[in-house]
């Protein structure tokens, strides 16, 4: 689900190119909030979320999510670069 959620968020963020700066920021905030809510729900419904990560894939996924969380404080091109960097580093 993480991969699908990330793709959904990327499409939503891509649709935020029109309007004023404030409108674009609001659109991105909405996309970010929807992504965060979907990922939180996935974590709650995944029994592994309560267990210590055991596989390399689990550790990469957790590292990716931590990197993405840092991007949430950014806006505009900085946020775009941060998201792209997180995806590139963690192969997403």
Protein backbone atom coordinates (compact mmCIF):
# COMPACT_ATOMS: atom_id res chain seq x y z
CA UNK A 1 0.00 0.00 0.00
CA UNK A 2 2.88 2.43 0.64
CA UNK A 3 3.88 2.45 -3.03
CA UNK A 4 0.29 3.03 -4.15
CA UNK A 5 -0.19 5.76 -1.53
CA UNK A 6 3.02 7.48 -2.66
CA UNK A 7 1.87 7.37 -6.30
CA UNK A 8 -1.55 8.74 -5.32
CA UNK A 9 0.10 11.57 -3.43
CA UNK A 10 2.41 12.35 -6.34
CA UNK A 11 -0.59 12.64 -8.69
CA UNK A 12 -2.40 14.86 -6.18
CA UNK A 13 0.66 17.08 -5.75
CA UNK A 14 1.00 17.28 -9.54
CA UNK A 15 -2.50 18.68 -9.79
CA UNK A 16 -1.51 21.59 -7.52
CA UNK A 17 0.29 23.63 -10.18
CA UNK A 18 -2.49 26.13 -10.89
CA UNK A 19 -3.59 29.11 -8.85
CA UNK A 20 -1.89 31.52 -6.51
CA UNK A 21 0.98 30.52 -4.23
CA UNK A 22 -1.48 30.24 -1.35
CA UNK A 23 -3.82 28.04 -3.40
CA UNK A 24 -0.94 25.78 -4.46
CA UNK A 25 0.26 25.50 -0.85
CA UNK A 26 -3.26 24.68 0.33
CA UNK A 27 -3.60 22.02 -2.37
CA UNK A 28 -0.25 20.47 -1.39
CA UNK A 29 -1.22 20.59 2.28
CA UNK A 30 -4.38 18.68 1.44
CA UNK A 31 -2.44 16.08 -0.59
CA UNK A 32 0.10 15.72 2.24
CA UNK A 33 -2.61 15.29 4.86
CA UNK A 34 -4.40 12.65 2.77
CA UNK A 35 -1.12 10.75 2.26
CA UNK A 36 -0.31 10.91 5.97
CA UNK A 37 -3.78 9.69 6.92
CA UNK A 38 -3.57 6.76 4.49
CA UNK A 39 -0.11 5.79 5.74
CA UNK A 40 -1.20 6.04 9.39
CA UNK A 41 -4.17 3.80 8.65
CA UNK A 42 -1.89 1.32 6.89
CA UNK A 43 0.43 1.29 9.92
CA UNK A 44 -2.47 0.67 12.30
CA UNK A 45 -3.88 -2.15 10.22
CA UNK A 46 -0.48 -3.80 9.70
CA UNK A 47 0.35 -6.15 12.55
CA UNK A 48 4.06 -5.70 11.79
CA UNK A 49 3.78 -2.05 12.82
CA UNK A 50 3.79 -3.20 16.43
CA UNK A 51 6.80 -5.45 15.97
CA UNK A 52 10.42 -4.50 15.51
CA UNK A 53 11.46 -4.26 11.87
CA UNK A 54 13.19 -7.43 10.87
CA UNK A 55 13.74 -7.19 7.13
CA UNK A 56 15.79 -4.77 5.07
CA UNK A 57 12.61 -3.80 3.25
CA UNK A 58 10.88 -2.93 6.54
CA UNK A 59 13.85 -0.81 7.63
CA UNK A 60 13.97 0.99 4.26
CA UNK A 61 10.23 1.67 4.46
CA UNK A 62 10.58 3.14 7.95
CA UNK A 63 13.56 5.26 6.86
CA UNK A 64 11.60 6.48 3.84
CA UNK A 65 8.64 7.46 5.99
CA UNK A 66 10.91 9.36 8.39
CA UNK A 67 12.52 11.19 5.46
CA UNK A 68 9.07 12.02 4.01
CA UNK A 69 7.93 13.35 7.38
CA UNK A 70 10.80 15.87 7.27
CA UNK A 71 9.55 17.07 3.87
CA UNK A 72 6.21 18.05 5.41
CA UNK A 73 7.76 21.16 6.96
CA UNK A 74 8.88 22.42 3.54
CA UNK A 75 6.98 24.19 0.78
CA UNK A 76 7.21 24.53 -2.98
CA UNK A 77 10.36 23.52 -4.81
CA UNK A 78 12.15 22.65 -1.55
CA UNK A 79 9.41 20.16 -0.72
CA UNK A 80 9.53 18.71 -4.24
CA UNK A 81 13.30 18.22 -4.01
CA UNK A 82 12.97 16.67 -0.56
CA UNK A 83 10.33 14.16 -1.74
CA UNK A 84 12.35 13.27 -4.85
CA UNK A 85 15.48 12.81 -2.75
CA UNK A 86 13.67 10.55 -0.27
CA UNK A 87 12.33 8.41 -3.12
CA UNK A 88 15.74 8.18 -4.76
CA UNK A 89 17.54 7.29 -1.53
CA UNK A 90 15.11 4.59 -0.52
CA UNK A 91 14.35 3.26 -4.02
CA UNK A 92 10.69 4.31 -4.15
